[in-house]
């Protein structure tokens, strides 16, 4: 299996390439990781200019010899290439797996909206730097290479699902890149936001007409929460119950996804 690795968002972490390649060579010998030279590019905040990142994506997505695209890391920036790449995806792009999370949610959402390929919310190569990060990376490779169901988020119940970073989801609302999630279980997670900001994003989610027909909401990890002054007075569970009630959908509890070592795999649609 050939997996193309590229960086569609922030400046990449090229120091993770060697350990990820070495781990895959030993644990998944059937996988050939092809790291795009663009992974080493730098243009201010981004892993190369918008044009460079778009060209790298299109090169690998439209290459019929590559079976999957795996995004090196998130950060910010994949939304800036959507208008360039989406009209130029050919037939080969429709038969690939696309895996990442965080900012990569822009790409996963846009691909799923057009039913192109198999978008998957799951670990990225940069996760090798986490404590026990080899186990995190292994889940991604296990799903892409072997469809190993032990890598899946354990609460997936046969209903279609989709997972997003909450800030990415709310940024997609009102755009043509938010997929139709009717009857899907929506899983959200967040990192590096204060509780008031999380509450504000939940308000946006709860009042989005594009999301009114979902089957319910689950909450993944919420990590590195920013300080609130004055102290925030509600728990995450209270907030989720309140906004799901306003949305008219059930709150379905917690999920094992997010910016953590335990991040698990959520294929968009039915696993």
C-alpha atoms as a PDB file:
ATOM      1  CA  UNK A   1       0.000   0.000   0.000  1.00  0.00           C
ATOM      2  CA  UNK A   2       1.338   3.430  -0.943  1.00  0.00           C
ATOM      3  CA  UNK A   3       0.449   6.284   1.415  1.00  0.00           C
ATOM      4  CA  UNK A   4       1.334   9.808   0.352  1.00  0.00           C
ATOM      5  CA  UNK A   5       2.195  12.159   3.215  1.00  0.00           C
ATOM      6  CA  UNK A   6       1.925  15.932   2.829  1.00  0.00           C
ATOM      7  CA  UNK A   7       1.336  19.056   4.901  1.00  0.00           C
ATOM      8  CA  UNK A   8      -1.743  21.082   3.949  1.00  0.00           C
ATOM      9  CA  UNK A   9      -1.716  23.539   6.839  1.00  0.00           C
ATOM     10  CA  UNK A  10       0.903  25.003   9.179  1.00  0.00           C
ATOM     11  CA  UNK A  11       4.657  24.615   8.912  1.00  0.00           C
ATOM     12  CA  UNK A  12       5.287  20.893   9.220  1.00  0.00           C
ATOM     13  CA  UNK A  13       7.381  18.931  11.697  1.00  0.00           C
ATOM     14  CA  UNK A  14       9.956  17.321   9.395  1.00  0.00           C
ATOM     15  CA  UNK A  15      11.701  15.884  12.451  1.00  0.00           C
ATOM     16  CA  UNK A  16       8.855  13.349  12.750  1.00  0.00           C
ATOM     17  CA  UNK A  17       9.421  11.938   9.268  1.00  0.00           C
ATOM     18  CA  UNK A  18      12.350   9.659  10.186  1.00  0.00           C
ATOM     19  CA  UNK A  19      10.759   8.079  13.298  1.00  0.00           C
ATOM     20  CA  UNK A  20       7.387   7.578  11.574  1.00  0.00           C
ATOM     21  CA  UNK A  21       9.044   6.034   8.526  1.00  0.00           C
ATOM     22  CA  UNK A  22      11.136   3.733  10.735  1.00  0.00           C
ATOM     23  CA  UNK A  23       8.132   2.668  12.806  1.00  0.00           C
ATOM     24  CA  UNK A  24       6.018   1.944   9.729  1.00  0.00           C
ATOM     25  CA  UNK A  25       8.820  -0.041   8.098  1.00  0.00           C
ATOM     26  CA  UNK A  26       8.978  -2.399  11.082  1.00  0.00           C
ATOM     27  CA  UNK A  27       5.337  -2.583  12.204  1.00  0.00           C
ATOM     28  CA  UNK A  28       3.600  -2.257   8.799  1.00  0.00           C
ATOM     29  CA  UNK A  29       6.021  -3.590   6.176  1.00  0.00           C
ATOM     30  CA  UNK A  30       3.251  -3.676   3.583  1.00  0.00           C
ATOM     31  CA  UNK A  31       3.058   0.146   3.734  1.00  0.00           C
ATOM     32  CA  UNK A  32       5.215   2.414   1.588  1.00  0.00           C
ATOM     33  CA  UNK A  33       5.168   5.946   3.000  1.00  0.00           C
ATOM     34  CA  UNK A  34       5.906   8.562   0.327  1.00  0.00           C
ATOM     35  CA  UNK A  35       6.732  11.928   1.932  1.00  0.00           C
ATOM     36  CA  UNK A  36       6.151  14.818  -0.445  1.00  0.00           C
ATOM     37  CA  UNK A  37       9.083  17.293  -0.620  1.00  0.00           C
ATOM     38  CA  UNK A  38       6.524  19.980   0.226  1.00  0.00           C
ATOM     39  CA  UNK A  39       6.617  18.690   3.835  1.00  0.00           C
ATOM     40  CA  UNK A  40       9.858  20.662   4.201  1.00  0.00           C
ATOM     41  CA  UNK A  41       8.544  23.924   2.747  1.00  0.00           C
ATOM     42  CA  UNK A  42       8.110  27.059   4.830  1.00  0.00           C
ATOM     43  CA  UNK A  43       6.199  30.237   3.974  1.00  0.00           C
ATOM     44  CA  UNK A  44       5.521  32.244   7.101  1.00  0.00           C
ATOM     45  CA  UNK A  45       2.891  30.385   9.098  1.00  0.00           C
ATOM     46  CA  UNK A  46       2.344  27.787   6.387  1.00  0.00           C
ATOM     47  CA  UNK A  47       4.034  24.674   5.038  1.00  0.00           C
ATOM     48  CA  UNK A  48       4.649  26.422   1.736  1.00  0.00           C
ATOM     49  CA  UNK A  49       2.489  28.952  -0.071  1.00  0.00           C
ATOM     50  CA  UNK A  50      -1.171  28.242  -0.768  1.00  0.00           C
ATOM     51  CA  UNK A  51      -0.220  27.400  -4.358  1.00  0.00           C
ATOM     52  CA  UNK A  52       2.520  25.001  -3.233  1.00  0.00           C
ATOM     53  CA  UNK A  53       0.264  23.190  -0.784  1.00  0.00           C
ATOM     54  CA  UNK A  54      -2.573  22.952  -3.308  1.00  0.00           C
ATOM     55  CA  UNK A  55      -0.229  21.585  -5.974  1.00  0.00           C
ATOM     56  CA  UNK A  56       1.130  18.927  -3.603  1.00  0.00           C
ATOM     57  CA  UNK A  57      -2.372  17.843  -2.649  1.00  0.00           C
ATOM     58  CA  UNK A  58      -3.529  17.607  -6.247  1.00  0.00           C
ATOM     59  CA  UNK A  59      -0.396  15.731  -7.320  1.00  0.00           C
ATOM     60  CA  UNK A  60      -0.926  12.983  -4.749  1.00  0.00           C
ATOM     61  CA  UNK A  61      -4.737  12.952  -4.851  1.00  0.00           C
ATOM     62  CA  UNK A  62      -4.780  12.516  -8.624  1.00  0.00           C
ATOM     63  CA  UNK A  63      -1.985   9.918  -8.704  1.00  0.00           C
ATOM     64  CA  UNK A  64      -3.632   6.493  -9.247  1.00  0.00           C
ATOM     65  CA  UNK A  65      -0.584   4.715  -7.785  1.00  0.00           C
ATOM     66  CA  UNK A  66      -1.174   6.264  -4.335  1.00  0.00           C
ATOM     67  CA  UNK A  67      -3.830   4.591  -2.178  1.00  0.00           C
ATOM     68  CA  UNK A  68      -4.202   7.101   0.658  1.00  0.00           C
ATOM     69  CA  UNK A  69      -3.271  10.632   1.703  1.00  0.00           C
ATOM     70  CA  UNK A  70      -2.069  11.146   5.264  1.00  0.00           C
ATOM     71  CA  UNK A  71      -1.614  14.670   6.550  1.00  0.00           C
ATOM     72  CA  UNK A  72       1.564  15.356   8.507  1.00  0.00           C
ATOM     73  CA  UNK A  73      -0.021  17.766  10.994  1.00  0.00           C
ATOM     74  CA  UNK A  74      -2.789  20.320  11.434  1.00  0.00           C
ATOM     75  CA  UNK A  75      -2.465  23.899  12.630  1.00  0.00           C
ATOM     76  CA  UNK A  76      -4.186  26.286  10.251  1.00  0.00           C
ATOM     77  CA  UNK A  77      -4.426  26.751   6.515  1.00  0.00           C
ATOM     78  CA  UNK A  78      -6.074  23.868   4.666  1.00  0.00           C
ATOM     79  CA  UNK A  79      -9.224  25.974   4.139  1.00  0.00           C
ATOM     80  CA  UNK A  80      -7.168  28.382   2.033  1.00  0.00           C
ATOM     81  CA  UNK A  81      -6.645  25.779  -0.700  1.00  0.00           C
ATOM     82  CA  UNK A  82     -10.182  24.381  -0.978  1.00  0.00           C
ATOM     83  CA  UNK A  83     -11.312  26.632  -3.838  1.00  0.00           C
ATOM     84  CA  UNK A  84      -8.232  25.646  -5.842  1.00  0.00           C
ATOM     85  CA  UNK A  85      -8.231  21.894  -5.280  1.00  0.00           C
ATOM     86  CA  UNK A  86     -11.862  20.807  -5.184  1.00  0.00           C
ATOM     87  CA  UNK A  87     -12.692  21.475  -8.887  1.00  0.00           C
ATOM     88  CA  UNK A  88      -9.466  19.748 -10.017  1.00  0.00           C
ATOM     89  CA  UNK A  89      -9.845  16.359  -8.348  1.00  0.00           C
ATOM     90  CA  UNK A  90      -9.964  13.572 -10.908  1.00  0.00           C
ATOM     91  CA  UNK A  91     -11.161   9.988 -10.911  1.00  0.00           C
ATOM     92  CA  UNK A  92      -8.152   8.666  -8.977  1.00  0.00           C
ATOM     93  CA  UNK A  93      -8.976  11.002  -6.076  1.00  0.00           C
ATOM     94  CA  UNK A  94     -12.339   9.276  -5.631  1.00  0.00           C
ATOM     95  CA  UNK A  95     -10.776   5.978  -4.594  1.00  0.00           C
ATOM     96  CA  UNK A  96      -8.445   7.125  -1.816  1.00  0.00           C
ATOM     97  CA  UNK A  97      -8.533   7.310   1.955  1.00  0.00           C
ATOM     98  CA  UNK A  98      -7.793  10.769   3.405  1.00  0.00           C
ATOM     99  CA  UNK A  99      -6.767  10.810   7.059  1.00  0.00           C
ATOM    100  CA  UNK A 100      -6.078  13.591   9.550  1.00  0.00           C
ATOM    101  CA  UNK A 101      -7.812  15.751  12.140  1.00  0.00           C
ATOM    102  CA  UNK A 102      -7.764  19.258  13.600  1.00  0.00           C
ATOM    103  CA  UNK A 103      -7.355  21.777  10.726  1.00  0.00           C
ATOM    104  CA  UNK A 104      -7.497  18.887   8.230  1.00  0.00           C
ATOM    105  CA  UNK A 105     -11.221  18.810   9.058  1.00  0.00           C
ATOM    106  CA  UNK A 106     -11.661  21.477   6.369  1.00  0.00           C
ATOM    107  CA  UNK A 107     -10.437  18.990   3.762  1.00  0.00           C
ATOM    108  CA  UNK A 108     -12.319  16.030   5.218  1.00  0.00           C
ATOM    109  CA  UNK A 109     -15.556  18.001   5.291  1.00  0.00           C
ATOM    110  CA  UNK A 110     -15.182  19.297   1.742  1.00  0.00           C
ATOM    111  CA  UNK A 111     -14.339  15.839   0.395  1.00  0.00           C
ATOM    112  CA  UNK A 112     -17.269  14.242   2.209  1.00  0.00           C
ATOM    113  CA  UNK A 113     -19.625  16.973   0.991  1.00  0.00           C
ATOM    114  CA  UNK A 114     -18.805  15.898  -2.566  1.00  0.00           C
ATOM    115  CA  UNK A 115     -18.538  12.177  -1.724  1.00  0.00           C
ATOM    116  CA  UNK A 116     -14.943  12.067  -2.920  1.00  0.00           C
ATOM    117  CA  UNK A 117     -12.874   9.243  -1.455  1.00  0.00           C
ATOM    118  CA  UNK A 118     -13.050   8.033   2.127  1.00  0.00           C
ATOM    119  CA  UNK A 119     -12.392  10.868   4.618  1.00  0.00           C
ATOM    120  CA  UNK A 120     -11.263   9.652   8.038  1.00  0.00           C
ATOM    121  CA  UNK A 121     -10.748  11.598  11.268  1.00  0.00           C
ATOM    122  CA  UNK A 122      -7.672   9.963  12.773  1.00  0.00           C
ATOM    123  CA  UNK A 123      -4.106  10.358  14.052  1.00  0.00           C
ATOM    124  CA  UNK A 124      -1.389  12.034  11.998  1.00  0.00           C
ATOM    125  CA  UNK A 125       2.377  11.447  11.747  1.00  0.00           C
ATOM    126  CA  UNK A 126       3.086  14.378  14.096  1.00  0.00           C
ATOM    127  CA  UNK A 127       1.413  12.376  16.884  1.00  0.00           C
ATOM    128  CA  UNK A 128       4.538  10.192  17.079  1.00  0.00           C
ATOM    129  CA  UNK A 129       5.939  12.923  19.340  1.00  0.00           C
ATOM    130  CA  UNK A 130       3.334  12.269  22.023  1.00  0.00           C
ATOM    131  CA  UNK A 131       4.123  10.009  24.964  1.00  0.00           C
ATOM    132  CA  UNK A 132       3.431   6.500  23.603  1.00  0.00           C
ATOM    133  CA  UNK A 133       2.872   8.177  20.259  1.00  0.00           C
ATOM    134  CA  UNK A 134       3.813   5.023  18.383  1.00  0.00           C
ATOM    135  CA  UNK A 135       0.528   3.503  19.568  1.00  0.00           C
ATOM    136  CA  UNK A 136      -1.341   6.575  18.341  1.00  0.00           C
ATOM    137  CA  UNK A 137       0.269   6.438  14.903  1.00  0.00           C
ATOM    138  CA  UNK A 138      -0.309   2.680  14.791  1.00  0.00           C
ATOM    139  CA  UNK A 139      -4.083   3.211  14.865  1.00  0.00           C
ATOM    140  CA  UNK A 140      -3.923   5.302  11.714  1.00  0.00           C
ATOM    141  CA  UNK A 141      -1.750   2.797   9.871  1.00  0.00           C
ATOM    142  CA  UNK A 142      -3.779  -0.151  11.139  1.00  0.00           C
ATOM    143  CA  UNK A 143      -6.971   1.302   9.701  1.00  0.00           C
ATOM    144  CA  UNK A 144      -5.522   2.482   6.398  1.00  0.00           C
ATOM    145  CA  UNK A 145      -3.496  -0.654   5.686  1.00  0.00           C
ATOM    146  CA  UNK A 146      -5.518  -3.417   7.315  1.00  0.00           C
ATOM    147  CA  UNK A 147      -8.963  -1.986   8.173  1.00  0.00           C
ATOM    148  CA  UNK A 148      -8.234  -3.145  11.720  1.00  0.00           C
ATOM    149  CA  UNK A 149     -11.422  -2.378  13.632  1.00  0.00           C
ATOM    150  CA  UNK A 150      -9.575  -2.172  16.956  1.00  0.00           C
ATOM    151  CA  UNK A 151      -8.365   1.238  15.769  1.00  0.00           C
ATOM    152  CA  UNK A 152     -11.923   2.589  15.601  1.00  0.00           C
ATOM    153  CA  UNK A 153     -13.546   4.824  18.178  1.00  0.00           C
ATOM    154  CA  UNK A 154     -15.285   2.258  20.394  1.00  0.00           C
ATOM    155  CA  UNK A 155     -18.620   4.088  20.558  1.00  0.00           C
ATOM    156  CA  UNK A 156     -19.333   3.860  16.838  1.00  0.00           C
ATOM    157  CA  UNK A 157     -22.605   1.985  16.712  1.00  0.00           C
ATOM    158  CA  UNK A 158     -23.347   1.326  13.045  1.00  0.00           C
ATOM    159  CA  UNK A 159     -24.937   4.694  12.408  1.00  0.00           C
ATOM    160  CA  UNK A 160     -23.059   7.074  10.089  1.00  0.00           C
ATOM    161  CA  UNK A 161     -20.710   9.376  11.973  1.00  0.00           C
ATOM    162  CA  UNK A 162     -18.395  12.327  11.380  1.00  0.00           C
ATOM    163  CA  UNK A 163     -15.857  13.976  13.676  1.00  0.00           C
ATOM    164  CA  UNK A 164     -14.561  17.539  13.696  1.00  0.00           C
ATOM    165  CA  UNK A 165     -12.600  19.933  15.805  1.00  0.00           C
ATOM    166  CA  UNK A 166     -15.342  22.266  17.038  1.00  0.00           C
ATOM    167  CA  UNK A 167     -13.692  25.450  15.787  1.00  0.00           C
ATOM    168  CA  UNK A 168     -13.295  23.917  12.312  1.00  0.00           C
ATOM    169  CA  UNK A 169     -16.913  22.734  12.294  1.00  0.00           C
ATOM    170  CA  UNK A 170     -18.243  26.181  13.169  1.00  0.00           C
ATOM    171  CA  UNK A 171     -16.012  27.761  10.516  1.00  0.00           C
ATOM    172  CA  UNK A 172     -17.538  25.408   7.926  1.00  0.00           C
ATOM    173  CA  UNK A 173     -21.115  26.348   8.805  1.00  0.00           C
ATOM    174  CA  UNK A 174     -22.638  28.486   6.083  1.00  0.00           C
ATOM    175  CA  UNK A 175     -20.059  27.431   3.504  1.00  0.00           C
ATOM    176  CA  UNK A 176     -20.456  24.959   0.609  1.00  0.00           C
ATOM    177  CA  UNK A 177     -17.835  22.745   2.254  1.00  0.00           C
ATOM    178  CA  UNK A 178     -19.950  21.557   5.189  1.00  0.00           C
ATOM    179  CA  UNK A 179     -21.307  18.115   4.248  1.00  0.00           C
ATOM    180  CA  UNK A 180     -24.878  16.989   4.652  1.00  0.00           C
ATOM    181  CA  UNK A 181     -24.788  15.223   8.023  1.00  0.00           C
ATOM    182  CA  UNK A 182     -28.444  14.197   8.172  1.00  0.00           C
ATOM    183  CA  UNK A 183     -28.855  11.159  10.445  1.00  0.00           C
ATOM    184  CA  UNK A 184     -25.144  11.220  11.388  1.00  0.00           C
ATOM    185  CA  UNK A 185     -23.766  11.137  14.902  1.00  0.00           C
ATOM    186  CA  UNK A 186     -21.623  14.260  15.094  1.00  0.00           C
ATOM    187  CA  UNK A 187     -18.487  14.011  17.271  1.00  0.00           C
ATOM    188  CA  UNK A 188     -16.724  17.232  18.292  1.00  0.00           C
ATOM    189  CA  UNK A 189     -13.489  17.925  20.172  1.00  0.00           C
ATOM    190  CA  UNK A 190     -11.467  21.028  20.992  1.00  0.00           C
ATOM    191  CA  UNK A 191      -8.022  22.236  22.072  1.00  0.00           C
ATOM    192  CA  UNK A 192      -6.529  25.470  23.408  1.00  0.00           C
ATOM    193  CA  UNK A 193      -9.761  27.400  23.856  1.00  0.00           C
ATOM    194  CA  UNK A 194     -11.303  29.047  26.917  1.00  0.00           C
ATOM    195  CA  UNK A 195     -14.634  27.737  28.159  1.00  0.00           C
ATOM    196  CA  UNK A 196     -16.513  30.852  27.060  1.00  0.00           C
ATOM    197  CA  UNK A 197     -15.195  30.340  23.518  1.00  0.00           C
ATOM    198  CA  UNK A 198     -16.240  26.685  23.561  1.00  0.00           C
ATOM    199  CA  UNK A 199     -19.704  27.746  24.738  1.00  0.00           C
ATOM    200  CA  UNK A 200     -19.906  30.308  21.924  1.00  0.00           C
ATOM    201  CA  UNK A 201     -18.995  27.681  19.325  1.00  0.00           C
ATOM    202  CA  UNK A 202     -21.604  25.305  20.757  1.00  0.00           C
ATOM    203  CA  UNK A 203     -24.151  28.115  20.355  1.00  0.00           C
ATOM    204  CA  UNK A 204     -23.186  28.376  16.677  1.00  0.00           C
ATOM    205  CA  UNK A 205     -23.446  24.609  16.242  1.00  0.00           C
ATOM    206  CA  UNK A 206     -26.816  24.452  17.983  1.00  0.00           C
ATOM    207  CA  UNK A 207     -28.300  27.180  15.805  1.00  0.00           C
ATOM    208  CA  UNK A 208     -26.956  26.024  12.449  1.00  0.00           C
ATOM    209  CA  UNK A 209     -29.848  25.065  10.204  1.00  0.00           C
ATOM    210  CA  UNK A 210     -27.437  22.828   8.237  1.00  0.00           C
ATOM    211  CA  UNK A 211     -27.089  20.596  11.297  1.00  0.00           C
ATOM    212  CA  UNK A 212     -30.676  20.330  12.501  1.00  0.00           C
ATOM    213  CA  UNK A 213     -31.186  16.815  11.091  1.00  0.00           C
ATOM    214  CA  UNK A 214     -28.224  15.102  12.756  1.00  0.00           C
ATOM    215  CA  UNK A 215     -28.865  12.062  14.961  1.00  0.00           C
ATOM    216  CA  UNK A 216     -27.051  13.422  17.996  1.00  0.00           C
ATOM    217  CA  UNK A 217     -23.782  14.820  19.335  1.00  0.00           C
ATOM    218  CA  UNK A 218     -20.882  13.223  21.195  1.00  0.00           C
ATOM    219  CA  UNK A 219     -18.016  15.077  22.848  1.00  0.00           C
ATOM    220  CA  UNK A 220     -14.395  14.057  22.480  1.00  0.00           C
ATOM    221  CA  UNK A 221     -11.409  15.394  24.401  1.00  0.00           C
ATOM    222  CA  UNK A 222     -11.273  19.059  25.363  1.00  0.00           C
ATOM    223  CA  UNK A 223      -7.650  19.798  26.236  1.00  0.00           C
ATOM    224  CA  UNK A 224      -5.354  22.702  27.128  1.00  0.00           C
ATOM    225  CA  UNK A 225      -8.378  24.775  28.120  1.00  0.00           C
ATOM    226  CA  UNK A 226      -7.519  28.456  28.404  1.00  0.00           C
ATOM    227  CA  UNK A 227      -7.927  30.380  31.638  1.00  0.00           C
ATOM    228  CA  UNK A 228     -11.280  32.043  32.222  1.00  0.00           C
ATOM    229  CA  UNK A 229     -11.513  35.279  34.206  1.00  0.00           C
ATOM    230  CA  UNK A 230     -13.801  35.225  36.084  1.00  0.00           C
ATOM    231  CA  UNK A 231     -13.907  31.463  36.639  1.00  0.00           C
ATOM    232  CA  UNK A 232     -16.308  29.626  34.339  1.00  0.00           C
ATOM    233  CA  UNK A 233     -19.252  28.213  36.275  1.00  0.00           C
ATOM    234  CA  UNK A 234     -20.461  25.295  34.135  1.00  0.00           C
ATOM    235  CA  UNK A 235     -19.107  21.860  33.346  1.00  0.00           C
ATOM    236  CA  UNK A 236     -18.674  20.613  29.804  1.00  0.00           C
ATOM    237  CA  UNK A 237     -21.443  18.088  30.379  1.00  0.00           C
ATOM    238  CA  UNK A 238     -23.858  20.854  31.415  1.00  0.00           C
ATOM    239  CA  UNK A 239     -22.939  22.909  28.368  1.00  0.00           C
ATOM    240  CA  UNK A 240     -23.377  19.972  25.995  1.00  0.00           C
ATOM    241  CA  UNK A 241     -26.755  19.027  27.469  1.00  0.00           C
ATOM    242  CA  UNK A 242     -27.987  22.618  27.241  1.00  0.00           C
ATOM    243  CA  UNK A 243     -26.961  23.256  23.621  1.00  0.00           C
ATOM    244  CA  UNK A 244     -28.089  19.835  22.404  1.00  0.00           C
ATOM    245  CA  UNK A 245     -31.470  20.492  24.028  1.00  0.00           C
ATOM    246  CA  UNK A 246     -31.682  23.816  22.187  1.00  0.00           C
ATOM    247  CA  UNK A 247     -30.661  22.053  19.000  1.00  0.00           C
ATOM    248  CA  UNK A 248     -33.354  19.433  19.477  1.00  0.00           C
ATOM    249  CA  UNK A 249     -30.984  16.450  19.288  1.00  0.00           C
ATOM    250  CA  UNK A 250     -29.740  14.064  21.987  1.00  0.00           C
ATOM    251  CA  UNK A 251     -26.398  14.473  23.714  1.00  0.00           C
ATOM    252  CA  UNK A 252     -24.895  10.995  23.409  1.00  0.00           C
ATOM    253  CA  UNK A 253     -21.942  11.244  25.803  1.00  0.00           C
ATOM    254  CA  UNK A 254     -18.171  11.143  25.406  1.00  0.00           C
ATOM    255  CA  UNK A 255     -15.964   9.869  22.598  1.00  0.00           C
ATOM    256  CA  UNK A 256     -12.286   8.878  22.329  1.00  0.00           C
ATOM    257  CA  UNK A 257     -11.165  11.463  19.778  1.00  0.00           C
ATOM    258  CA  UNK A 258      -9.171  14.663  20.090  1.00  0.00           C
ATOM    259  CA  UNK A 259      -5.733  16.183  20.466  1.00  0.00           C
ATOM    260  CA  UNK A 260      -4.569  13.370  22.751  1.00  0.00           C
ATOM    261  CA  UNK A 261      -2.549  10.168  22.651  1.00  0.00           C
ATOM    262  CA  UNK A 262      -5.786   8.170  22.808  1.00  0.00           C
ATOM    263  CA  UNK A 263      -7.208   9.733  19.622  1.00  0.00           C
ATOM    264  CA  UNK A 264      -9.046   7.008  17.706  1.00  0.00           C
ATOM    265  CA  UNK A 265     -10.257   6.577  14.160  1.00  0.00           C
ATOM    266  CA  UNK A 266     -13.660   7.804  12.912  1.00  0.00           C
ATOM    267  CA  UNK A 267     -14.371   7.131   9.225  1.00  0.00           C
ATOM    268  CA  UNK A 268     -16.931   9.566   7.843  1.00  0.00           C
ATOM    269  CA  UNK A 269     -20.145   7.704   7.124  1.00  0.00           C
ATOM    270  CA  UNK A 270     -20.401   4.094   8.250  1.00  0.00           C
ATOM    271  CA  UNK A 271     -17.173   2.369   9.280  1.00  0.00           C
END
